[in-house]
Structure formats: structure tokens, C-alpha cells
Amino acid sequence: MTATPLVRHFEAFLAARHPPKTFCPSEVARSLTSADIQVLSDATSTAMTHWRDAMPLIREHAWTLRARGRCEILQRGVVLGAEQVGCLEEIRGPIRIRRVERTGEDGSGA
């Protein structure tokens, strides 16, 4: 996904919430302005008029970042790993997102 308003808002939430803090995808969606939603609508050729319309894209972006090791997806406080869920479509119900803390070679946070 290119640098869209969705990505910028998502990255801001990732940067602001230090592990073990999490955030809900709907927080990202609710932070989108009507202009942001219009940009997303135009970019995806999808009719979007409300923040809820952006939720599938936000969950998809979270899934992509999870695959890259940048975040974790949790449900009921449990990290959903590849052994629990094989694809995004298998996830039903609310999820939370947590940034993965990167550690340097010396074991310190980086």
C-alpha cells in the first residue's frame, strides 16, 4: 500500500503506542478526516463515505505489517500467530494491534 492517509495514520498509532500497549483498528479509522476518506475512496475505486468503510483496508494493512514482523494482531489478549490463523479472512470479531519492539544485536531496544 502506498503512502496514503491510512498508512500515515496507522504508522502514527504504531509509533505512539509502545509495547505492551495496543490499539484498535477503529481508532485509526476514526482518526481519518472526510478528505482522507475521499482520497482512499478515489485510490481504491471503492465508495467510502464513513470511517467504517475504511476498516477492511486497515485490517488488511495490519495483516501485511504482521507478515513483515512490524506488529502483532491480538484477539482476547492472545497474539494470533500463523499457527492460530492462516489468513485475514479467518479472523472474526474484534482485534487489537501491538507494535513489535525491535531489539538491537546487543539485546537493547532499538
PDB file of N, CA and C in Angstrom:
ATOM      1  N   MET A   1       0.857  -1.178   0.000  1.00  0.00           N
ATOM      2  CA  MET A   1       0.000   0.000   0.000  1.00  0.00           C
ATOM      3  C   MET A   1       0.896   1.232   0.000  1.00  0.00           C
ATOM      4  N   THR A   2       0.599   2.189  -0.839  1.00  0.00           N
ATOM      5  CA  THR A   2       1.412   3.395  -0.928  1.00  0.00           C
ATOM      6  C   THR A   2       1.155   4.299   0.266  1.00  0.00           C
ATOM      7  N   ALA A   3       1.860   5.404   0.321  1.00  0.00           N
ATOM      8  CA  ALA A   3       1.741   6.332   1.449  1.00  0.00           C
ATOM      9  C   ALA A   3       0.416   7.079   1.376  1.00  0.00           C
ATOM     10  N   THR A   4      -0.621   6.436   1.771  1.00  0.00           N
ATOM     11  CA  THR A   4      -1.953   7.028   1.786  1.00  0.00           C
ATOM     12  C   THR A   4      -2.222   7.592   3.176  1.00  0.00           C
ATOM     13  N   PRO A   5      -3.303   8.352   3.324  1.00  0.00           N
ATOM     14  CA  PRO A   5      -3.658   8.813   4.663  1.00  0.00           C
ATOM     15  C   PRO A   5      -3.810   7.652   5.647  1.00  0.00           C
ATOM     16  N   LEU A   6      -4.316   6.537   5.173  1.00  0.00           N
ATOM     17  CA  LEU A   6      -4.482   5.368   6.046  1.00  0.00           C
ATOM     18  C   LEU A   6      -3.133   4.924   6.605  1.00  0.00           C
ATOM     19  N   VAL A   7      -2.136   4.820   5.738  1.00  0.00           N
ATOM     20  CA  VAL A   7      -0.806   4.383   6.174  1.00  0.00           C
ATOM     21  C   VAL A   7      -0.221   5.394   7.154  1.00  0.00           C
ATOM     22  N   ARG A   8      -0.345   6.674   6.849  1.00  0.00           N
ATOM     23  CA  ARG A   8       0.197   7.708   7.750  1.00  0.00           C
ATOM     24  C   ARG A   8      -0.446   7.630   9.131  1.00  0.00           C
ATOM     25  N   HIS A   9      -1.762   7.497   9.169  1.00  0.00           N
ATOM     26  CA  HIS A   9      -2.451   7.417  10.461  1.00  0.00           C
ATOM     27  C   HIS A   9      -2.073   6.130  11.194  1.00  0.00           C
ATOM     28  N   PHE A  10      -2.018   5.020  10.471  1.00  0.00           N
ATOM     29  CA  PHE A  10      -1.660   3.734  11.077  1.00  0.00           C
ATOM     30  C   PHE A  10      -0.256   3.817  11.670  1.00  0.00           C
ATOM     31  N   GLU A  11       0.691   4.359  10.907  1.00  0.00           N
ATOM     32  CA  GLU A  11       2.073   4.485  11.384  1.00  0.00           C
ATOM     33  C   GLU A  11       2.149   5.381  12.616  1.00  0.00           C
ATOM     34  N   ALA A  12       1.335   6.417  12.663  1.00  0.00           N
ATOM     35  CA  ALA A  12       1.317   7.297  13.836  1.00  0.00           C
ATOM     36  C   ALA A  12       0.864   6.536  15.079  1.00  0.00           C
ATOM     37  N   PHE A  13      -0.146   5.695  14.940  1.00  0.00           N
ATOM     38  CA  PHE A  13      -0.592   4.888  16.078  1.00  0.00           C
ATOM     39  C   PHE A  13       0.479   3.894  16.492  1.00  0.00           C
ATOM     40  N   LEU A  14       1.132   3.256  15.527  1.00  0.00           N
ATOM     41  CA  LEU A  14       2.215   2.317  15.858  1.00  0.00           C
ATOM     42  C   LEU A  14       3.331   3.025  16.616  1.00  0.00           C
ATOM     43  N   ALA A  15       3.684   4.213  16.178  1.00  0.00           N
ATOM     44  CA  ALA A  15       4.776   4.953  16.816  1.00  0.00           C
ATOM     45  C   ALA A  15       4.402   5.419  18.219  1.00  0.00           C
ATOM     46  N   ALA A  16       3.139   5.766  18.410  1.00  0.00           N
ATOM     47  CA  ALA A  16       2.705   6.332  19.690  1.00  0.00           C
ATOM     48  C   ALA A  16       2.449   5.286  20.772  1.00  0.00           C
ATOM     49  N   ARG A  17       2.138   4.071  20.397  1.00  0.00           N
ATOM     50  CA  ARG A  17       1.806   3.033  21.376  1.00  0.00           C
ATOM     51  C   ARG A  17       2.993   2.106  21.567  1.00  0.00           C
ATOM     52  N   HIS A  18       3.641   2.262  22.680  1.00  0.00           N
ATOM     53  CA  HIS A  18       4.797   1.417  22.984  1.00  0.00           C
ATOM     54  C   HIS A  18       4.322   0.104  23.596  1.00  0.00           C
ATOM     55  N   PRO A  19       4.907  -1.011  23.179  1.00  0.00           N
ATOM     56  CA  PRO A  19       4.527  -2.306  23.747  1.00  0.00           C
ATOM     57  C   PRO A  19       4.661  -2.270  25.268  1.00  0.00           C
ATOM     58  N   PRO A  20       3.732  -2.826  25.985  1.00  0.00           N
ATOM     59  CA  PRO A  20       2.675  -3.745  25.563  1.00  0.00           C
ATOM     60  C   PRO A  20       1.354  -3.066  25.200  1.00  0.00           C
ATOM     61  N   LYS A  21       1.344  -1.746  25.053  1.00  0.00           N
ATOM     62  CA  LYS A  21       0.108  -1.038  24.692  1.00  0.00           C
ATOM     63  C   LYS A  21      -0.360  -1.459  23.298  1.00  0.00           C
ATOM     64  N   THR A  22      -1.671  -1.490  23.123  1.00  0.00           N
ATOM     65  CA  THR A  22      -2.275  -1.880  21.848  1.00  0.00           C
ATOM     66  C   THR A  22      -3.239  -0.790  21.390  1.00  0.00           C
ATOM     67  N   PHE A  23      -3.700  -0.920  20.168  1.00  0.00           N
ATOM     68  CA  PHE A  23      -4.753  -0.031  19.685  1.00  0.00           C
ATOM     69  C   PHE A  23      -5.715  -0.829  18.819  1.00  0.00           C
ATOM     70  N   CYS A  24      -6.900  -0.290  18.697  1.00  0.00           N
ATOM     71  CA  CYS A  24      -7.949  -0.921  17.906  1.00  0.00           C
ATOM     72  C   CYS A  24      -7.917  -0.337  16.491  1.00  0.00           C
ATOM     73  N   PRO A  25      -8.108  -1.161  15.476  1.00  0.00           N
ATOM     74  CA  PRO A  25      -8.142  -0.630  14.109  1.00  0.00           C
ATOM     75  C   PRO A  25      -9.158   0.501  13.934  1.00  0.00           C
ATOM     76  N   SER A  26     -10.237   0.464  14.705  1.00  0.00           N
ATOM     77  CA  SER A  26     -11.245   1.522  14.568  1.00  0.00           C
ATOM     78  C   SER A  26     -10.716   2.874  15.035  1.00  0.00           C
ATOM     79  N   GLU A  27      -9.701   2.886  15.906  1.00  0.00           N
ATOM     80  CA  GLU A  27      -9.093   4.156  16.304  1.00  0.00           C
ATOM     81  C   GLU A  27      -8.431   4.817  15.100  1.00  0.00           C
ATOM     82  N   VAL A  28      -7.779   4.015  14.276  1.00  0.00           N
ATOM     83  CA  VAL A  28      -7.163   4.536  13.051  1.00  0.00           C
ATOM     84  C   VAL A  28      -8.259   5.054  12.127  1.00  0.00           C
ATOM     85  N   ALA A  29      -9.296   4.268  11.945  1.00  0.00           N
ATOM     86  CA  ALA A  29     -10.389   4.656  11.049  1.00  0.00           C
ATOM     87  C   ALA A  29     -11.053   5.947  11.515  1.00  0.00           C
ATOM     88  N   ARG A  30     -11.297   6.067  12.820  1.00  0.00           N
ATOM     89  CA  ARG A  30     -11.953   7.271  13.338  1.00  0.00           C
ATOM     90  C   ARG A  30     -11.062   8.503  13.253  1.00  0.00           C
ATOM     91  N   SER A  31      -9.747   8.298  13.125  1.00  0.00           N
ATOM     92  CA  SER A  31      -8.839   9.447  13.006  1.00  0.00           C
ATOM     93  C   SER A  31      -8.799  10.007  11.584  1.00  0.00           C
ATOM     94  N   LEU A  32      -9.368   9.288  10.631  1.00  0.00           N
ATOM     95  CA  LEU A  32      -9.388   9.750   9.239  1.00  0.00           C
ATOM     96  C   LEU A  32     -10.385  10.897   9.074  1.00  0.00           C
ATOM     97  N   THR A  33      -9.967  11.930   8.379  1.00  0.00           N
ATOM     98  CA  THR A  33     -10.873  13.034   8.077  1.00  0.00           C
ATOM     99  C   THR A  33     -11.730  12.660   6.871  1.00  0.00           C
ATOM    100  N   SER A  34     -12.744  13.464   6.608  1.00  0.00           N
ATOM    101  CA  SER A  34     -13.572  13.194   5.427  1.00  0.00           C
ATOM    102  C   SER A  34     -12.736  13.324   4.151  1.00  0.00           C
ATOM    103  N   ALA A  35     -11.756  14.225   4.145  1.00  0.00           N
ATOM    104  CA  ALA A  35     -10.865  14.348   2.982  1.00  0.00           C
ATOM    105  C   ALA A  35     -10.005  13.092   2.828  1.00  0.00           C
ATOM    106  N   ASP A  36      -9.520  12.546   3.957  1.00  0.00           N
ATOM    107  CA  ASP A  36      -8.746  11.300   3.917  1.00  0.00           C
ATOM    108  C   ASP A  36      -9.580  10.166   3.333  1.00  0.00           C
ATOM    109  N   ILE A  37     -10.822  10.076   3.777  1.00  0.00           N
ATOM    110  CA  ILE A  37     -11.713   9.014   3.303  1.00  0.00           C
ATOM    111  C   ILE A  37     -11.963   9.169   1.805  1.00  0.00           C
ATOM    112  N   GLN A  38     -12.092  10.400   1.349  1.00  0.00           N
ATOM    113  CA  GLN A  38     -12.290  10.633  -0.088  1.00  0.00           C
ATOM    114  C   GLN A  38     -11.056  10.207  -0.881  1.00  0.00           C
ATOM    115  N   VAL A  39      -9.859  10.495  -0.368  1.00  0.00           N
ATOM    116  CA  VAL A  39      -8.621  10.071  -1.037  1.00  0.00           C
ATOM    117  C   VAL A  39      -8.572   8.549  -1.126  1.00  0.00           C
ATOM    118  N   LEU A  40      -8.909   7.870  -0.024  1.00  0.00           N
ATOM    119  CA  LEU A  40      -8.930   6.402  -0.026  1.00  0.00           C
ATOM    120  C   LEU A  40      -9.966   5.872  -1.011  1.00  0.00           C
ATOM    121  N   SER A  41     -11.113   6.497  -1.025  1.00  0.00           N
ATOM    122  CA  SER A  41     -12.181   6.081  -1.932  1.00  0.00           C
ATOM    123  C   SER A  41     -11.724   6.197  -3.385  1.00  0.00           C
ATOM    124  N   ASP A  42     -11.087   7.312  -3.706  1.00  0.00           N
ATOM    125  CA  ASP A  42     -10.598   7.521  -5.075  1.00  0.00           C
ATOM    126  C   ASP A  42      -9.477   6.542  -5.420  1.00  0.00           C
ATOM    127  N   ALA A  43      -8.566   6.313  -4.473  1.00  0.00           N
ATOM    128  CA  ALA A  43      -7.402   5.451  -4.721  1.00  0.00           C
ATOM    129  C   ALA A  43      -7.789   3.986  -4.904  1.00  0.00           C
ATOM    130  N   THR A  44      -8.865   3.574  -4.245  1.00  0.00           N
ATOM    131  CA  THR A  44      -9.261   2.165  -4.294  1.00  0.00           C
ATOM    132  C   THR A  44     -10.470   1.916  -5.191  1.00  0.00           C
ATOM    133  N   SER A  45     -11.017   2.980  -5.763  1.00  0.00           N
ATOM    134  CA  SER A  45     -12.234   2.872  -6.586  1.00  0.00           C
ATOM    135  C   SER A  45     -13.352   2.177  -5.821  1.00  0.00           C
ATOM    136  N   THR A  46     -13.413   2.487  -4.522  1.00  0.00           N
ATOM    137  CA  THR A  46     -14.431   1.926  -3.641  1.00  0.00           C
ATOM    138  C   THR A  46     -15.228   3.079  -3.045  1.00  0.00           C
ATOM    139  N   ALA A  47     -16.530   2.953  -3.021  1.00  0.00           N
ATOM    140  CA  ALA A  47     -17.358   4.001  -2.441  1.00  0.00           C
ATOM    141  C   ALA A  47     -17.174   4.018  -0.928  1.00  0.00           C
ATOM    142  N   MET A  48     -16.556   5.066  -0.423  1.00  0.00           N
ATOM    143  CA  MET A  48     -16.353   5.222   1.018  1.00  0.00           C
ATOM    144  C   MET A  48     -16.891   6.582   1.425  1.00  0.00           C
ATOM    145  N   THR A  49     -17.745   6.571   2.445  1.00  0.00           N
ATOM    146  CA  THR A  49     -18.288   7.828   2.943  1.00  0.00           C
ATOM    147  C   THR A  49     -18.149   7.963   4.453  1.00  0.00           C
ATOM    148  N   HIS A  50     -17.810   6.889   5.111  1.00  0.00           N
ATOM    149  CA  HIS A  50     -17.775   6.856   6.572  1.00  0.00           C
ATOM    150  C   HIS A  50     -16.514   6.132   7.012  1.00  0.00           C
ATOM    151  N   TRP A  51     -16.038   6.425   8.233  1.00  0.00           N
ATOM    152  CA  TRP A  51     -14.811   5.770   8.712  1.00  0.00           C
ATOM    153  C   TRP A  51     -14.938   4.255   8.722  1.00  0.00           C
ATOM    154  N   ARG A  52     -16.129   3.735   8.958  1.00  0.00           N
ATOM    155  CA  ARG A  52     -16.312   2.272   8.981  1.00  0.00           C
ATOM    156  C   ARG A  52     -15.974   1.628   7.634  1.00  0.00           C
ATOM    157  N   ASP A  53     -16.156   2.390   6.569  1.00  0.00           N
ATOM    158  CA  ASP A  53     -15.852   1.866   5.232  1.00  0.00           C
ATOM    159  C   ASP A  53     -14.361   1.572   5.055  1.00  0.00           C
ATOM    160  N   ALA A  54     -13.514   2.203   5.859  1.00  0.00           N
ATOM    161  CA  ALA A  54     -12.062   2.006   5.761  1.00  0.00           C
ATOM    162  C   ALA A  54     -11.572   0.810   6.576  1.00  0.00           C
ATOM    163  N   MET A  55     -12.423   0.224   7.394  1.00  0.00           N
ATOM    164  CA  MET A  55     -11.990  -0.863   8.284  1.00  0.00           C
ATOM    165  C   MET A  55     -11.360  -2.052   7.553  1.00  0.00           C
ATOM    166  N   PRO A  56     -11.925  -2.543   6.456  1.00  0.00           N
ATOM    167  CA  PRO A  56     -11.261  -3.672   5.779  1.00  0.00           C
ATOM    168  C   PRO A  56      -9.844  -3.333   5.314  1.00  0.00           C
ATOM    169  N   LEU A  57      -9.637  -2.109   4.826  1.00  0.00           N
ATOM    170  CA  LEU A  57      -8.299  -1.702   4.394  1.00  0.00           C
ATOM    171  C   LEU A  57      -7.327  -1.624   5.567  1.00  0.00           C
ATOM    172  N   ILE A  58      -7.812  -1.160   6.699  1.00  0.00           N
ATOM    173  CA  ILE A  58      -6.961  -1.049   7.885  1.00  0.00           C
ATOM    174  C   ILE A  58      -6.573  -2.432   8.380  1.00  0.00           C
ATOM    175  N   ARG A  59      -7.532  -3.336   8.439  1.00  0.00           N
ATOM    176  CA  ARG A  59      -7.212  -4.705   8.858  1.00  0.00           C
ATOM    177  C   ARG A  59      -6.236  -5.361   7.879  1.00  0.00           C
ATOM    178  N   GLU A  60      -6.423  -5.103   6.589  1.00  0.00           N
ATOM    179  CA  GLU A  60      -5.520  -5.647   5.575  1.00  0.00           C
ATOM    180  C   GLU A  60      -4.098  -5.096   5.759  1.00  0.00           C
ATOM    181  N   HIS A  61      -4.000  -3.808   6.046  1.00  0.00           N
ATOM    182  CA  HIS A  61      -2.682  -3.197   6.263  1.00  0.00           C
ATOM    183  C   HIS A  61      -2.029  -3.791   7.515  1.00  0.00           C
ATOM    184  N   ALA A  62      -2.805  -3.980   8.568  1.00  0.00           N
ATOM    185  CA  ALA A  62      -2.267  -4.599   9.789  1.00  0.00           C
ATOM    186  C   ALA A  62      -1.751  -6.002   9.486  1.00  0.00           C
ATOM    187  N   TRP A  63      -2.490  -6.754   8.697  1.00  0.00           N
ATOM    188  CA  TRP A  63      -2.084  -8.117   8.333  1.00  0.00           C
ATOM    189  C   TRP A  63      -0.762  -8.101   7.573  1.00  0.00           C
ATOM    190  N   THR A  64      -0.622  -7.145   6.656  1.00  0.00           N
ATOM    191  CA  THR A  64       0.619  -7.010   5.886  1.00  0.00           C
ATOM    192  C   THR A  64       1.795  -6.691   6.804  1.00  0.00           C
ATOM    193  N   LEU A  65       1.594  -5.756   7.723  1.00  0.00           N
ATOM    194  CA  LEU A  65       2.674  -5.398   8.648  1.00  0.00           C
ATOM    195  C   LEU A  65       2.988  -6.542   9.601  1.00  0.00           C
ATOM    196  N   ARG A  66       1.983  -7.326   9.952  1.00  0.00           N
ATOM    197  CA  ARG A  66       2.212  -8.515  10.782  1.00  0.00           C
ATOM    198  C   ARG A  66       3.135  -9.485  10.055  1.00  0.00           C
ATOM    199  N   ALA A  67       2.886  -9.694   8.765  1.00  0.00           N
ATOM    200  CA  ALA A  67       3.715 -10.607   7.970  1.00  0.00           C
ATOM    201  C   ALA A  67       5.154 -10.113   7.866  1.00  0.00           C
ATOM    202  N   ARG A  68       5.342  -8.808   7.952  1.00  0.00           N
ATOM    203  CA  ARG A  68       6.686  -8.216   7.894  1.00  0.00           C
ATOM    204  C   ARG A  68       7.352  -8.135   9.265  1.00  0.00           C
ATOM    205  N   GLY A  69       6.630  -8.566  10.299  1.00  0.00           N
ATOM    206  CA  GLY A  69       7.194  -8.538  11.641  1.00  0.00           C
ATOM    207  C   GLY A  69       7.171  -7.183  12.313  1.00  0.00           C
ATOM    208  N   ARG A  70       6.329  -6.269  11.824  1.00  0.00           N
ATOM    209  CA  ARG A  70       6.265  -4.925  12.391  1.00  0.00           C
ATOM    210  C   ARG A  70       5.221  -4.778  13.481  1.00  0.00           C
ATOM    211  N   CYS A  71       4.214  -5.655  13.471  1.00  0.00           N
ATOM    212  CA  CYS A  71       3.187  -5.576  14.502  1.00  0.00           C
ATOM    213  C   CYS A  71       2.635  -6.970  14.772  1.00  0.00           C
ATOM    214  N   GLU A  72       1.911  -7.056  15.870  1.00  0.00           N
ATOM    215  CA  GLU A  72       1.213  -8.295  16.226  1.00  0.00           C
ATOM    216  C   GLU A  72      -0.276  -8.002  16.212  1.00  0.00           C
ATOM    217  N   ILE A  73      -1.053  -9.003  15.885  1.00  0.00           N
ATOM    218  CA  ILE A  73      -2.504  -8.895  15.942  1.00  0.00           C
ATOM    219  C   ILE A  73      -2.962  -9.772  17.092  1.00  0.00           C
ATOM    220  N   LEU A  74      -3.747  -9.181  17.976  1.00  0.00           N
ATOM    221  CA  LEU A  74      -4.223  -9.890  19.156  1.00  0.00           C
ATOM    222  C   LEU A  74      -5.740  -9.990  19.139  1.00  0.00           C
ATOM    223  N   GLN A  75      -6.222 -11.069  19.731  1.00  0.00           N
ATOM    224  CA  GLN A  75      -7.656 -11.238  19.930  1.00  0.00           C
ATOM    225  C   GLN A  75      -7.843 -11.821  21.314  1.00  0.00           C
ATOM    226  N   ARG A  76      -8.656 -11.132  22.118  1.00  0.00           N
ATOM    227  CA  ARG A  76      -8.867 -11.528  23.516  1.00  0.00           C
ATOM    228  C   ARG A  76      -7.537 -11.623  24.268  1.00  0.00           C
ATOM    229  N   GLY A  77      -6.592 -10.723  23.927  1.00  0.00           N
ATOM    230  CA  GLY A  77      -5.307 -10.674  24.602  1.00  0.00           C
ATOM    231  C   GLY A  77      -4.285 -11.692  24.147  1.00  0.00           C
ATOM    232  N   VAL A  78      -4.638 -12.514  23.166  1.00  0.00           N
ATOM    233  CA  VAL A  78      -3.744 -13.569  22.677  1.00  0.00           C
ATOM    234  C   VAL A  78      -3.228 -13.176  21.293  1.00  0.00           C
ATOM    235  N   VAL A  79      -1.910 -13.276  21.114  1.00  0.00           N
ATOM    236  CA  VAL A  79      -1.311 -12.984  19.814  1.00  0.00           C
ATOM    237  C   VAL A  79      -1.739 -14.052  18.818  1.00  0.00           C
ATOM    238  N   LEU A  80      -2.248 -13.609  17.677  1.00  0.00           N
ATOM    239  CA  LEU A  80      -2.647 -14.537  16.620  1.00  0.00           C
ATOM    240  C   LEU A  80      -1.441 -14.797  15.726  1.00  0.00           C
ATOM    241  N   GLY A  81      -0.852 -15.950  15.880  1.00  0.00           N
ATOM    242  CA  GLY A  81       0.281 -16.338  15.054  1.00  0.00           C
ATOM    243  C   GLY A  81      -0.181 -17.159  13.871  1.00  0.00           C
ATOM    244  N   ALA A  82       0.763 -17.534  13.029  1.00  0.00           N
ATOM    245  CA  ALA A  82       0.446 -18.316  11.829  1.00  0.00           C
ATOM    246  C   ALA A  82      -0.202 -19.647  12.185  1.00  0.00           C
ATOM    247  N   GLU A  83       0.141 -20.186  13.360  1.00  0.00           N
ATOM    248  CA  GLU A  83      -0.445 -21.469  13.752  1.00  0.00           C
ATOM    249  C   GLU A  83      -1.906 -21.335  14.188  1.00  0.00           C
ATOM    250  N   GLN A  84      -2.326 -20.134  14.620  1.00  0.00           N
ATOM    251  CA  GLN A  84      -3.716 -19.934  15.025  1.00  0.00           C
ATOM    252  C   GLN A  84      -4.615 -19.533  13.861  1.00  0.00           C
ATOM    253  N   VAL A  85      -4.066 -18.746  12.948  1.00  0.00           N
ATOM    254  CA  VAL A  85      -4.893 -18.229  11.860  1.00  0.00           C
ATOM    255  C   VAL A  85      -4.039 -18.143  10.598  1.00  0.00           C
ATOM    256  N   GLY A  86      -4.558 -18.702   9.527  1.00  0.00           N
ATOM    257  CA  GLY A  86      -3.793 -18.757   8.289  1.00  0.00           C
ATOM    258  C   GLY A  86      -3.975 -17.558   7.383  1.00  0.00           C
ATOM    259  N   CYS A  87      -5.146 -16.920   7.470  1.00  0.00           N
ATOM    260  CA  CYS A  87      -5.376 -15.769   6.600  1.00  0.00           C
ATOM    261  C   CYS A  87      -6.304 -14.777   7.296  1.00  0.00           C
ATOM    262  N   LEU A  88      -6.270 -13.569   6.830  1.00  0.00           N
ATOM    263  CA  LEU A  88      -7.049 -12.486   7.420  1.00  0.00           C
ATOM    264  C   LEU A  88      -8.540 -12.804   7.456  1.00  0.00           C
ATOM    265  N   GLU A  89      -9.035 -13.457   6.431  1.00  0.00           N
ATOM    266  CA  GLU A  89     -10.467 -13.750   6.350  1.00  0.00           C
ATOM    267  C   GLU A  89     -10.937 -14.692   7.459  1.00  0.00           C
ATOM    268  N   GLU A  90     -10.013 -15.415   8.083  1.00  0.00           N
ATOM    269  CA  GLU A  90     -10.377 -16.331   9.169  1.00  0.00           C
ATOM    270  C   GLU A  90     -10.625 -15.609  10.489  1.00  0.00           C
ATOM    271  N   ILE A  91     -10.189 -14.370  10.592  1.00  0.00           N
ATOM    272  CA  ILE A  91     -10.346 -13.625  11.845  1.00  0.00           C
ATOM    273  C   ILE A  91     -11.761 -13.077  11.926  1.00  0.00           C
ATOM    274  N   ARG A  92     -12.462 -13.447  12.966  1.00  0.00           N
ATOM    275  CA  ARG A  92     -13.816 -12.959  13.216  1.00  0.00           C
ATOM    276  C   ARG A  92     -13.813 -12.225  14.549  1.00  0.00           C
ATOM    277  N   GLY A  93     -14.451 -11.079  14.572  1.00  0.00           N
ATOM    278  CA  GLY A  93     -14.552 -10.337  15.813  1.00  0.00           C
ATOM    279  C   GLY A  93     -13.459  -9.296  15.970  1.00  0.00           C
ATOM    280  N   PRO A  94     -13.500  -8.605  17.113  1.00  0.00           N
ATOM    281  CA  PRO A  94     -12.568  -7.501  17.340  1.00  0.00           C
ATOM    282  C   PRO A  94     -11.122  -7.965  17.498  1.00  0.00           C
ATOM    283  N   ILE A  95     -10.229  -7.122  17.014  1.00  0.00           N
ATOM    284  CA  ILE A  95      -8.795  -7.378  17.164  1.00  0.00           C
ATOM    285  C   ILE A  95      -8.134  -6.133  17.740  1.00  0.00           C
ATOM    286  N   ARG A  96      -6.932  -6.311  18.235  1.00  0.00           N
ATOM    287  CA  ARG A  96      -6.088  -5.212  18.701  1.00  0.00           C
ATOM    288  C   ARG A  96      -4.749  -5.352  17.990  1.00  0.00           C
ATOM    289  N   ILE A  97      -4.029  -4.261  17.899  1.00  0.00           N
ATOM    290  CA  ILE A  97      -2.740  -4.252  17.209  1.00  0.00           C
ATOM    291  C   ILE A  97      -1.676  -3.749  18.173  1.00  0.00           C
ATOM    292  N   ARG A  98      -0.531  -4.422  18.147  1.00  0.00           N
ATOM    293  CA  ARG A  98       0.584  -4.028  19.013  1.00  0.00           C
ATOM    294  C   ARG A  98       1.861  -3.965  18.184  1.00  0.00           C
ATOM    295  N   ARG A  99       2.589  -2.890  18.369  1.00  0.00           N
ATOM    296  CA  ARG A  99       3.882  -2.752  17.696  1.00  0.00           C
ATOM    297  C   ARG A  99       4.844  -3.796  18.236  1.00  0.00           C
ATOM    298  N   VAL A 100       5.655  -4.347  17.357  1.00  0.00           N
ATOM    299  CA  VAL A 100       6.691  -5.290  17.773  1.00  0.00           C
ATOM    300  C   VAL A 100       7.902  -4.465  18.173  1.00  0.00           C
ATOM    301  N   GLU A 101       8.375  -4.697  19.375  1.00  0.00           N
ATOM    302  CA  GLU A 101       9.557  -3.987  19.864  1.00  0.00           C
ATOM    303  C   GLU A 101      10.776  -4.581  19.202  1.00  0.00           C
ATOM    304  N   ARG A 102      11.494  -3.754  18.518  1.00  0.00           N
ATOM    305  CA  ARG A 102      12.715  -4.223  17.847  1.00  0.00           C
ATOM    306  C   ARG A 102      13.865  -4.159  18.836  1.00  0.00           C
ATOM    307  N   THR A 103      14.707  -5.184  18.811  1.00  0.00           N
ATOM    308  CA  THR A 103      15.882  -5.192  19.675  1.00  0.00           C
ATOM    309  C   THR A 103      17.131  -5.187  18.821  1.00  0.00           C
ATOM    310  N   GLY A 104      18.140  -4.494  19.317  1.00  0.00           N
ATOM    311  CA  GLY A 104      19.421  -4.452  18.620  1.00  0.00           C
ATOM    312  C   GLY A 104      20.197  -5.730  18.865  1.00  0.00           C
ATOM    313  N   GLU A 105      21.340  -5.835  18.228  1.00  0.00           N
ATOM    314  CA  GLU A 105      22.167  -7.031  18.383  1.00  0.00           C
ATOM    315  C   GLU A 105      22.625  -7.216  19.817  1.00  0.00           C
ATOM    316  N   ASP A 106      22.731  -6.111  20.556  1.00  0.00           N
ATOM    317  CA  ASP A 106      23.180  -6.212  21.943  1.00  0.00           C
ATOM    318  C   ASP A 106      22.035  -6.501  22.902  1.00  0.00           C
ATOM    319  N   GLY A 107      20.803  -6.686  22.349  1.00  0.00           N
ATOM    320  CA  GLY A 107      19.646  -7.009  23.172  1.00  0.00           C
ATOM    321  C   GLY A 107      18.897  -5.795  23.666  1.00  0.00           C
ATOM    322  N   SER A 108      19.408  -4.600  23.369  1.00  0.00           N
ATOM    323  CA  SER A 108      18.725  -3.391  23.799  1.00  0.00           C
ATOM    324  C   SER A 108      17.626  -3.049  22.813  1.00  0.00           C
ATOM    325  N   GLY A 109      16.637  -2.312  23.271  1.00  0.00           N
ATOM    326  CA  GLY A 109      15.582  -1.871  22.363  1.00  0.00           C
ATOM    327  C   GLY A 109      16.150  -0.898  21.354  1.00  0.00           C
ATOM    328  N   ALA A 110      15.688  -0.985  20.130  1.00  0.00           N
ATOM    329  CA  ALA A 110      16.201  -0.068  19.102  1.00  0.00           C
ATOM    330  C   ALA A 110      15.086   0.488  18.264  1.00  0.00           C
TER     331      ALA A 110
END
